[in-house]
Amino acid sequence: MEVPLIDCDSNTREDSEIAVDIDRALSDVGFMALQNLGLRQSIVEKAFAVSRHFFAEPSATKARCAYGLAAENFGYQGLLEESLDPAKPADLKETFTMRNLTAAGIASERWPSEKFRDEMVIFYGDVLGAAQRLQRLLARALETPADFFVSRHNGENVTLRLLHYPPVNGARVDAEQMGAGAHTDYGMLTLLFQDNVGGLQVQSTSGAWHDVPPRPETIVINAGDLLERWSNGRYRSTVHRVLPRVPSGDRFSIALFVDPDSDTMVEALSSCVDEENPPRYPKTTAGEHLQEKILATH
């Protein structure tokens, strides 16, 4: 199973053509790799440099920024502090999570530095702009008003996350232990930036695992649980994982989780329901679903 590569260059392709490709990819695989979504590559490279610098800091420095409550969803988590697959051993990764990044409320001393925060705010704004373009393309594909998704993602649960998978001693790794355990993402969409080190895998409907190799200047996109619900199962919230870094070589990635505002009611869109395809999922609010999933992993 190959993750489709889609060119989103608006100078050479019509939005209607791009929307068809996106619709096919999310229906068939639930994952896709996008080029030319409108993001400045220099901003991406700077964000990775900031991430590498932070994760190289001493443990005491990182611990000062420790993750607090799931409702806040902000801060640093070290190795073995999260289990994306709660039935398996804890994940071999460390993270820095930033929910609703541009909103006030996080005390300055909980940030690694003012420069760190400023660089993340710039990156967040750029990536969010790209995500909103993608949301409008999806609205076109699903025959929904252009700003249907954008208007329901005002930032309350839109979350930026830096991830580091350090090299580990294979002799000390449980056979079922992953860098990131098998899981689906919780919200609408995830935009993932990878370095040139592989490890991401997606699971096909047969249960087989397939590599998602890094591609230069592309963003890996996948549908989350709430987009699967909105599309009434038309789009797949695909199970994926990250292999542990055995025996050597660090992996860095950055994810933007585009998740709806908490009071957003999520139910099947009218364009995805008919006599042969009645609603498959009960109604839920985004907040209920997101908090249930986050709490289960800590």
Protein backbone atom coordinates (compact mmCIF):
# COMPACT_ATOMS: atom_id res chain seq x y z
CA MET A 1 0.00 0.00 0.00
CA GLU A 2 1.58 3.26 -1.15
CA VAL A 3 0.72 6.68 0.26
CA PRO A 4 -0.30 8.82 -2.76
CA LEU A 5 1.73 11.93 -3.61
CA ILE A 6 -0.43 14.92 -4.61
CA ASP A 7 0.74 18.20 -6.12
CA CYS A 8 -1.33 21.11 -4.75
CA ASP A 9 0.27 23.84 -6.88
CA SER A 10 -2.58 26.26 -7.62
CA ASN A 11 -0.60 27.78 -10.50
CA THR A 12 -0.71 24.58 -12.52
CA ARG A 13 -3.80 22.73 -11.23
CA GLU A 14 -7.43 23.62 -10.57
CA ASP A 15 -8.75 23.21 -7.02
CA SER A 16 -11.45 20.87 -8.33
CA GLU A 17 -8.77 18.52 -9.72
CA ILE A 18 -6.76 18.62 -6.47
CA ALA A 19 -9.93 17.94 -4.44
CA VAL A 20 -10.63 14.80 -6.48
CA ASP A 21 -7.12 13.48 -5.77
CA ILE A 22 -7.46 14.23 -2.04
CA ASP A 23 -10.86 12.55 -1.91
CA ARG A 24 -9.46 9.40 -3.54
CA ALA A 25 -6.41 9.24 -1.28
CA LEU A 26 -8.34 9.63 1.98
CA SER A 27 -10.97 7.14 0.82
CA ASP A 28 -8.47 4.49 -0.27
CA VAL A 29 -5.63 4.88 2.24
CA GLY A 30 -6.52 7.57 4.77
CA PHE A 31 -3.02 9.01 4.22
CA MET A 32 -1.45 11.18 1.53
CA ALA A 33 1.69 13.22 0.93
CA LEU A 34 1.16 16.78 -0.32
CA GLN A 35 3.51 19.11 -2.15
CA ASN A 36 3.10 22.86 -2.75
CA LEU A 37 0.41 23.44 -0.14
CA GLY A 38 1.69 26.99 0.36
CA LEU A 39 4.17 26.59 3.22
CA ARG A 40 7.58 28.28 3.38
CA GLN A 41 10.29 25.61 3.52
CA SER A 42 12.63 27.97 5.38
CA ILE A 43 10.12 28.12 8.26
CA VAL A 44 9.94 24.31 8.39
CA GLU A 45 13.74 24.02 8.53
CA LYS A 46 13.94 26.60 11.33
CA ALA A 47 11.30 24.73 13.35
CA PHE A 48 13.31 21.51 13.09
CA ALA A 49 16.44 23.36 14.23
CA VAL A 50 14.59 24.68 17.30
CA SER A 51 13.26 21.19 18.04
CA ARG A 52 16.71 19.56 17.83
CA HIS A 53 18.17 22.21 20.12
CA PHE A 54 15.44 21.75 22.73
CA PHE A 55 15.64 17.95 22.86
CA ALA A 56 19.43 18.17 23.25
CA GLU A 57 18.99 20.18 26.46
CA PRO A 58 19.73 18.54 29.84
CA SER A 59 16.90 16.55 31.42
CA ALA A 60 16.51 19.12 34.21
CA THR A 61 15.94 21.91 31.69
CA LYS A 62 13.30 19.92 29.84
CA ALA A 63 11.61 18.82 33.07
CA ARG A 64 11.05 22.49 33.97
CA CYS A 65 8.56 22.55 31.07
CA ALA A 66 6.79 19.35 32.15
CA TYR A 67 3.38 18.39 30.78
CA GLY A 68 0.53 19.03 33.19
CA LEU A 69 -3.12 18.13 32.72
CA ALA A 70 -4.67 16.52 29.65
CA ALA A 71 -7.20 19.36 29.59
CA GLU A 72 -4.31 21.80 29.14
CA ASN A 73 -2.35 19.56 26.74
CA PHE A 74 0.87 21.56 26.99
CA GLY A 75 4.47 20.80 27.86
CA TYR A 76 7.30 18.29 27.76
CA GLN A 77 6.94 14.53 28.13
CA GLY A 78 9.94 12.22 28.35
CA LEU A 79 10.51 8.63 27.34
CA LEU A 80 7.86 6.14 28.51
CA GLU A 81 5.43 8.86 29.64
CA GLU A 82 2.85 8.21 26.93
CA SER A 83 1.29 5.03 25.51
CA LEU A 84 -0.48 5.72 22.24
CA ASP A 85 -1.44 2.05 22.28
CA PRO A 86 -2.53 1.65 25.93
CA ALA A 87 -2.42 -2.15 25.63
CA LYS A 88 1.31 -2.14 24.83
CA PRO A 89 4.50 -0.93 26.56
CA ALA A 90 4.99 2.84 26.76
CA ASP A 91 6.38 4.77 23.80
CA LEU A 92 10.09 5.35 23.18
CA LYS A 93 9.79 9.02 22.32
CA GLU A 94 9.89 12.44 23.93
CA THR A 95 7.59 15.29 22.98
CA PHE A 96 6.76 18.94 23.47
CA THR A 97 3.04 19.67 23.01
CA MET A 98 1.48 23.11 22.47
CA ARG A 99 -2.32 23.38 22.31
CA ASN A 100 -3.94 26.62 21.10
CA LEU A 101 -0.49 28.12 20.74
CA THR A 102 -1.42 31.74 20.08
CA ALA A 103 -3.81 32.05 23.05
CA ALA A 104 -2.63 33.60 26.29
CA GLY A 105 -2.57 31.55 29.47
CA ILE A 106 0.71 29.60 29.56
CA ALA A 107 3.13 31.22 32.02
CA SER A 108 6.39 32.36 30.45
CA GLU A 109 8.50 30.23 32.80
CA ARG A 110 6.92 27.06 31.43
CA TRP A 111 8.36 27.74 27.98
CA PRO A 112 11.95 26.66 27.23
CA SER A 113 12.71 30.23 26.16
CA GLU A 114 11.11 33.29 24.62
CA LYS A 115 12.88 32.54 21.33
CA PHE A 116 11.45 28.98 21.35
CA ARG A 117 7.93 30.34 21.80
CA ASP A 118 8.34 33.02 19.13
CA GLU A 119 9.65 30.54 16.55
CA MET A 120 6.84 28.09 17.29
CA VAL A 121 4.21 30.83 16.93
CA ILE A 122 5.58 31.72 13.49
CA PHE A 123 5.64 28.07 12.39
CA TYR A 124 2.16 27.43 13.82
CA GLY A 125 0.73 30.36 11.85
CA ASP A 126 2.24 29.17 8.58
CA VAL A 127 1.13 25.57 9.01
CA LEU A 128 -2.36 26.61 10.11
CA GLY A 129 -2.72 28.63 6.92
CA ALA A 130 -1.79 25.55 4.88
CA ALA A 131 -4.23 23.45 6.92
CA GLN A 132 -7.06 25.89 6.23
CA ARG A 133 -6.43 25.65 2.50
CA LEU A 134 -6.63 21.86 2.84
CA GLN A 135 -9.87 22.14 4.83
CA ARG A 136 -11.44 24.17 2.03
CA LEU A 137 -10.36 21.58 -0.53
CA LEU A 138 -11.97 18.88 1.62
CA ALA A 139 -15.16 20.92 1.89
CA ARG A 140 -15.25 21.00 -1.91
CA ALA A 141 -14.72 17.24 -2.10
CA LEU A 142 -17.52 16.63 0.43
CA GLU A 143 -19.94 19.11 -1.21
CA THR A 144 -20.04 21.24 1.93
CA PRO A 145 -19.83 25.08 2.26
CA ALA A 146 -16.26 26.25 1.74
CA ASP A 147 -15.67 27.40 5.34
CA PHE A 148 -17.57 24.57 7.06
CA PHE A 149 -14.43 23.04 8.56
CA VAL A 150 -12.40 26.24 8.95
CA SER A 151 -15.18 27.86 11.02
CA ARG A 152 -15.14 24.94 13.46
CA HIS A 153 -11.39 25.08 14.08
CA ASN A 154 -10.72 28.39 15.79
CA GLY A 155 -7.65 27.08 17.61
CA GLU A 156 -9.03 25.81 20.91
CA ASN A 157 -7.84 22.26 20.17
CA VAL A 158 -5.43 22.86 17.29
CA THR A 159 -2.19 21.46 18.67
CA LEU A 160 1.44 21.62 17.58
CA ARG A 161 3.75 18.83 18.72
CA LEU A 162 7.51 18.35 18.44
CA LEU A 163 8.64 14.70 18.55
CA HIS A 164 12.03 13.09 19.09
CA TYR A 165 12.71 9.35 18.80
CA PRO A 166 16.19 8.79 20.29
CA PRO A 167 18.30 5.71 19.53
CA VAL A 168 17.69 2.86 21.99
CA ASN A 169 19.44 -0.36 22.88
CA GLY A 170 17.54 -3.13 21.11
CA ALA A 171 18.34 -5.62 23.88
CA ARG A 172 16.32 -3.46 26.30
CA VAL A 173 13.28 -2.94 24.07
CA ASP A 174 10.20 -5.09 24.55
CA ALA A 175 9.22 -6.95 21.37
CA GLU A 176 5.91 -5.04 21.26
CA GLN A 177 7.36 -1.63 22.16
CA MET A 178 7.21 1.14 19.58
CA GLY A 179 8.55 4.63 19.16
CA ALA A 180 4.85 5.53 18.92
CA GLY A 181 2.35 2.76 19.51
CA ALA A 182 -0.29 1.82 16.95
CA HIS A 183 -3.15 4.32 17.02
CA THR A 184 -5.49 6.47 15.01
CA ASP A 185 -5.43 10.26 15.35
CA TYR A 186 -8.30 11.80 17.22
CA GLY A 187 -9.45 14.93 15.43
CA MET A 188 -10.01 16.05 11.84
CA LEU A 189 -6.57 16.10 10.20
CA THR A 190 -2.90 15.72 11.05
CA LEU A 191 -0.13 17.46 9.12
CA LEU A 192 3.18 15.68 9.73
CA PHE A 193 6.66 16.89 8.83
CA GLN A 194 9.38 14.22 8.83
CA ASP A 195 13.15 14.49 8.72
CA ASN A 196 15.04 12.12 6.41
CA VAL A 197 14.93 9.24 8.93
CA GLY A 198 12.15 6.75 8.34
CA GLY A 199 10.06 4.79 10.81
CA LEU A 200 6.45 5.78 10.14
CA GLN A 201 4.21 2.89 9.10
CA VAL A 202 0.52 2.66 8.16
CA GLN A 203 -1.68 -0.40 8.46
CA SER A 204 -3.71 -1.68 5.53
CA THR A 205 -7.18 -3.18 5.91
CA SER A 206 -5.54 -6.63 5.76
CA GLY A 207 -3.50 -5.80 8.88
CA ALA A 208 -0.14 -5.55 7.10
CA TRP A 209 2.25 -2.70 7.91
CA HIS A 210 3.67 -0.46 5.18
CA ASP A 211 6.48 2.10 5.38
CA VAL A 212 5.86 5.79 4.67
CA PRO A 213 9.31 6.87 3.48
CA PRO A 214 10.28 10.54 3.88
CA ARG A 215 9.97 12.69 0.74
CA PRO A 216 11.71 16.07 0.47
CA GLU A 217 9.47 19.13 0.97
CA THR A 218 6.26 17.16 1.42
CA ILE A 219 3.72 17.04 4.24
CA VAL A 220 2.22 13.70 5.25
CA ILE A 221 -1.50 14.15 5.89
CA ASN A 222 -3.91 11.71 7.49
CA ALA A 223 -7.59 11.73 8.36
CA GLY A 224 -8.51 11.54 12.04
CA ASP A 225 -11.43 9.92 13.83
CA LEU A 226 -13.69 12.98 13.60
CA LEU A 227 -13.21 13.34 9.85
CA GLU A 228 -14.13 9.67 9.51
CA ARG A 229 -17.33 10.45 11.44
CA TRP A 230 -18.10 13.59 9.42
CA SER A 231 -17.61 11.66 6.18
CA ASN A 232 -19.66 8.71 7.51
CA GLY A 233 -16.77 6.32 6.95
CA ARG A 234 -15.94 7.56 3.46
CA TYR A 235 -12.51 8.68 4.72
CA ARG A 236 -10.41 6.28 6.77
CA SER A 237 -8.87 7.15 10.11
CA THR A 238 -6.00 4.76 9.48
CA VAL A 239 -4.01 3.00 12.19
CA HIS A 240 -0.33 3.97 12.14
CA ARG A 241 2.78 3.69 14.30
CA VAL A 242 6.45 4.67 14.47
CA LEU A 243 9.15 2.02 14.88
CA PRO A 244 11.71 2.42 17.69
CA ARG A 245 15.12 3.77 16.74
CA VAL A 246 17.10 0.53 16.97
CA PRO A 247 20.06 0.41 16.86
CA SER A 248 21.02 4.02 16.07
CA GLY A 249 20.02 7.35 14.58
CA ASP A 250 17.64 9.98 15.97
CA ARG A 251 14.31 10.67 14.28
CA PHE A 252 12.64 14.08 14.52
CA SER A 253 9.17 14.98 13.34
CA ILE A 254 6.65 17.77 13.87
CA ALA A 255 2.88 17.34 13.83
CA LEU A 256 -0.01 19.79 13.70
CA PHE A 257 -3.22 18.19 14.93
CA VAL A 258 -6.14 20.09 13.39
CA ASP A 259 -8.87 19.29 15.89
CA PRO A 260 -12.27 21.04 16.18
CA ASP A 261 -13.38 23.38 18.94
CA SER A 262 -14.68 21.43 21.94
CA ASP A 263 -18.38 22.30 21.57
CA THR A 264 -18.45 21.31 17.88
CA MET A 265 -21.13 18.70 17.26
CA VAL A 266 -19.78 16.02 14.93
CA GLU A 267 -22.24 13.96 12.90
CA ALA A 268 -22.37 12.61 9.36
CA LEU A 269 -22.58 15.28 6.67
CA SER A 270 -25.75 15.23 4.58
CA SER A 271 -23.67 14.66 1.44
CA CYS A 272 -22.36 11.41 2.95
CA VAL A 273 -25.73 9.93 3.95
CA ASP A 274 -28.42 8.30 1.85
CA GLU A 275 -30.76 5.29 2.01
CA GLU A 276 -27.92 2.89 1.29
CA ASN A 277 -25.52 4.66 3.67
CA PRO A 278 -27.31 5.62 6.89
CA PRO A 279 -25.28 7.29 9.67
CA ARG A 280 -22.70 4.81 11.03
CA TYR A 281 -21.64 6.70 14.15
CA PRO A 282 -23.50 8.33 17.04
CA LYS A 283 -23.30 12.09 17.41
CA THR A 284 -20.55 13.40 19.67
CA THR A 285 -18.92 16.67 20.55
CA ALA A 286 -15.29 17.12 19.59
CA GLY A 287 -14.34 17.90 23.20
CA GLU A 288 -15.79 14.67 24.55
CA HIS A 289 -14.00 12.55 21.97
CA LEU A 290 -10.64 14.32 22.24
CA GLN A 291 -10.44 14.28 26.04
CA GLU A 292 -11.42 10.61 26.21
CA LYS A 293 -8.63 9.70 23.79
CA ILE A 294 -5.96 11.87 25.42
CA LEU A 295 -6.73 10.62 28.93
CA ALA A 296 -6.48 6.99 27.78
CA THR A 297 -2.86 7.46 26.65
CA HIS A 298 -1.41 8.91 29.87
